[in-house]
Amino acid sequence: MMKWRPFASLVQYRDYYEEMLENRKKREKPELSEDQVEEINGLLCSLKKGEEVRVTYFLDGNVRKKEGVFLRSDDCSDDLILDDLVVPFANLLSLSRI
C-alpha cells in the first residue's frame, strides 16, 4: 500500500486511494455456532420492551457494537428493533442484557 500513497495527493486518485484503504479493513462475516444461535434466540424470546441491551452485529464488512433500548423483534421482516437501530436477525453476532 505504501507504493500507492503518493497518488493520494492527486485529486482524481484521492477517492480511489481512500476506498482501497477502507476495503482492506473489511472482513468476512463470522459464522455462529448452533449454541450461539440458540442463546440469541432464547434471549430474544425473553426480552421485554424497554430493556437495555448490547448488540454486536455485522454490517458492510465490519463488526459493530451498539447499546440501546429494546423495542421489539419483528418476526415478519426478521429484524431486531432498538430505539435507534434496526438489525436483521441474519446480521446478529451476539446479544446481551446490560
C-alpha atoms as a PDB file:
ATOM      1  CA  MET A   1       0.000   0.000   0.000  1.00  0.00           C
ATOM      2  CA  MET A   2       2.926   2.345   0.524  1.00  0.00           C
ATOM      3  CA  LYS A   3       3.543   2.440  -3.201  1.00  0.00           C
ATOM      4  CA  TRP A   4       0.065   3.955  -3.720  1.00  0.00           C
ATOM      5  CA  ARG A   5       0.436   6.676  -1.066  1.00  0.00           C
ATOM      6  CA  PRO A   6       1.829   9.337  -3.491  1.00  0.00           C
ATOM      7  CA  PHE A   7      -1.358   9.043  -5.554  1.00  0.00           C
ATOM      8  CA  ALA A   8      -3.411  10.230  -2.561  1.00  0.00           C
ATOM      9  CA  SER A   9      -2.091  13.728  -3.185  1.00  0.00           C
ATOM     10  CA  LEU A  10      -3.581  13.764  -6.691  1.00  0.00           C
ATOM     11  CA  VAL A  11      -7.182  14.917  -6.580  1.00  0.00           C
ATOM     12  CA  GLN A  12      -8.531  12.434  -9.116  1.00  0.00           C
ATOM     13  CA  TYR A  13      -6.961   9.479  -7.239  1.00  0.00           C
ATOM     14  CA  ARG A  14      -7.750  10.506  -3.660  1.00  0.00           C
ATOM     15  CA  ASP A  15     -11.184   8.844  -3.568  1.00  0.00           C
ATOM     16  CA  TYR A  16      -9.828   5.670  -5.134  1.00  0.00           C
ATOM     17  CA  TYR A  17      -6.974   5.509  -2.613  1.00  0.00           C
ATOM     18  CA  GLU A  18      -9.329   6.018   0.356  1.00  0.00           C
ATOM     19  CA  GLU A  19     -11.636   3.319  -0.986  1.00  0.00           C
ATOM     20  CA  MET A  20      -8.686   0.920  -1.251  1.00  0.00           C
ATOM     21  CA  LEU A  21      -7.786   1.577   2.386  1.00  0.00           C
ATOM     22  CA  GLU A  22     -11.384   1.006   3.527  1.00  0.00           C
ATOM     23  CA  ASN A  23     -11.650  -2.254   1.573  1.00  0.00           C
ATOM     24  CA  ARG A  24      -8.533  -3.577   3.299  1.00  0.00           C
ATOM     25  CA  LYS A  25     -10.254  -3.210   6.681  1.00  0.00           C
ATOM     26  CA  LYS A  26     -13.283  -5.246   5.655  1.00  0.00           C
ATOM     27  CA  ARG A  27     -13.584  -8.896   6.572  1.00  0.00           C
ATOM     28  CA  GLU A  28     -15.954 -11.793   6.112  1.00  0.00           C
ATOM     29  CA  LYS A  29     -18.968 -12.317   8.328  1.00  0.00           C
ATOM     30  CA  PRO A  30     -18.190 -14.627  11.263  1.00  0.00           C
ATOM     31  CA  GLU A  31     -20.199 -17.841  11.395  1.00  0.00           C
ATOM     32  CA  LEU A  32     -22.180 -18.569  14.571  1.00  0.00           C
ATOM     33  CA  SER A  33     -22.306 -21.981  16.205  1.00  0.00           C
ATOM     34  CA  GLU A  34     -25.648 -23.630  16.938  1.00  0.00           C
ATOM     35  CA  ASP A  35     -25.181 -22.868  20.638  1.00  0.00           C
ATOM     36  CA  GLN A  36     -24.697 -19.166  19.939  1.00  0.00           C
ATOM     37  CA  VAL A  37     -27.805 -19.088  17.738  1.00  0.00           C
ATOM     38  CA  GLU A  38     -29.835 -20.842  20.461  1.00  0.00           C
ATOM     39  CA  GLU A  39     -28.557 -18.397  23.086  1.00  0.00           C
ATOM     40  CA  ILE A  40     -29.520 -15.360  20.966  1.00  0.00           C
ATOM     41  CA  ASN A  41     -32.923 -16.881  20.181  1.00  0.00           C
ATOM     42  CA  GLY A  42     -33.609 -17.631  23.845  1.00  0.00           C
ATOM     43  CA  LEU A  43     -32.718 -14.104  24.881  1.00  0.00           C
ATOM     44  CA  LEU A  44     -34.839 -12.617  22.076  1.00  0.00           C
ATOM     45  CA  CYS A  45     -37.845 -14.570  23.296  1.00  0.00           C
ATOM     46  CA  SER A  46     -37.360 -13.426  26.914  1.00  0.00           C
ATOM     47  CA  LEU A  47     -36.699  -9.716  26.280  1.00  0.00           C
ATOM     48  CA  LYS A  48     -39.362  -7.229  27.259  1.00  0.00           C
ATOM     49  CA  LYS A  49     -39.955  -3.790  25.769  1.00  0.00           C
ATOM     50  CA  GLY A  50     -37.790  -1.118  27.390  1.00  0.00           C
ATOM     51  CA  GLU A  51     -34.899  -3.344  28.497  1.00  0.00           C
ATOM     52  CA  GLU A  52     -31.333  -2.163  27.870  1.00  0.00           C
ATOM     53  CA  VAL A  53     -29.389  -4.467  25.529  1.00  0.00           C
ATOM     54  CA  ARG A  54     -25.948  -4.649  23.967  1.00  0.00           C
ATOM     55  CA  VAL A  55     -25.909  -5.856  20.348  1.00  0.00           C
ATOM     56  CA  THR A  56     -22.941  -6.979  18.278  1.00  0.00           C
ATOM     57  CA  TYR A  57     -23.753  -7.154  14.578  1.00  0.00           C
ATOM     58  CA  PHE A  58     -22.113  -7.371  11.161  1.00  0.00           C
ATOM     59  CA  LEU A  59     -22.548  -4.523   8.661  1.00  0.00           C
ATOM     60  CA  ASP A  60     -20.642  -3.727   5.457  1.00  0.00           C
ATOM     61  CA  GLY A  61     -17.632  -5.908   6.259  1.00  0.00           C
ATOM     62  CA  ASN A  62     -17.274  -4.624   9.830  1.00  0.00           C
ATOM     63  CA  VAL A  63     -18.325  -5.895  13.253  1.00  0.00           C
ATOM     64  CA  ARG A  64     -20.119  -3.177  15.185  1.00  0.00           C
ATOM     65  CA  LYS A  65     -21.379  -2.887  18.754  1.00  0.00           C
ATOM     66  CA  LYS A  66     -24.313  -0.823  19.949  1.00  0.00           C
ATOM     67  CA  GLU A  67     -26.207  -0.349  23.185  1.00  0.00           C
ATOM     68  CA  GLY A  68     -29.836   0.645  23.164  1.00  0.00           C
ATOM     69  CA  VAL A  69     -33.367   0.118  24.393  1.00  0.00           C
ATOM     70  CA  PHE A  70     -35.162  -2.948  23.081  1.00  0.00           C
ATOM     71  CA  LEU A  71     -38.473  -2.106  21.411  1.00  0.00           C
ATOM     72  CA  ARG A  72     -39.466  -5.349  19.696  1.00  0.00           C
ATOM     73  CA  SER A  73     -38.406  -8.173  17.431  1.00  0.00           C
ATOM     74  CA  ASP A  74     -40.275  -8.296  14.151  1.00  0.00           C
ATOM     75  CA  ASP A  75     -40.760 -11.907  13.038  1.00  0.00           C
ATOM     76  CA  CYS A  76     -42.291 -10.913   9.707  1.00  0.00           C
ATOM     77  CA  SER A  77     -39.265  -8.965   8.499  1.00  0.00           C
ATOM     78  CA  ASP A  78     -36.766 -10.835  10.737  1.00  0.00           C
ATOM     79  CA  ASP A  79     -35.466  -7.656  12.393  1.00  0.00           C
ATOM     80  CA  LEU A  80     -34.405  -6.685  15.895  1.00  0.00           C
ATOM     81  CA  ILE A  81     -35.662  -3.166  16.573  1.00  0.00           C
ATOM     82  CA  LEU A  82     -33.957  -0.930  19.120  1.00  0.00           C
ATOM     83  CA  ASP A  83     -34.727   2.706  19.853  1.00  0.00           C
ATOM     84  CA  ASP A  84     -32.403   3.980  17.094  1.00  0.00           C
ATOM     85  CA  LEU A  85     -31.297   0.873  15.214  1.00  0.00           C
ATOM     86  CA  VAL A  86     -32.809  -1.920  13.135  1.00  0.00           C
ATOM     87  CA  VAL A  87     -30.669  -5.063  12.823  1.00  0.00           C
ATOM     88  CA  PRO A  88     -31.632  -8.035  10.636  1.00  0.00           C
ATOM     89  CA  PHE A  89     -31.502 -11.330  12.551  1.00  0.00           C
ATOM     90  CA  ALA A  90     -29.052 -12.682   9.951  1.00  0.00           C
ATOM     91  CA  ASN A  91     -26.511  -9.998  10.946  1.00  0.00           C
ATOM     92  CA  LEU A  92     -26.706 -10.557  14.725  1.00  0.00           C
ATOM     93  CA  LEU A  93     -23.493 -11.907  16.266  1.00  0.00           C
ATOM     94  CA  SER A  94     -24.315 -11.526  19.961  1.00  0.00           C
ATOM     95  CA  LEU A  95     -26.974 -10.085  22.189  1.00  0.00           C
ATOM     96  CA  SER A  96     -26.902  -9.433  25.929  1.00  0.00           C
ATOM     97  CA  ARG A  97     -28.737  -7.546  28.628  1.00  0.00           C
ATOM     98  CA  ILE A  98     -26.981  -4.637  30.279  1.00  0.00           C
END
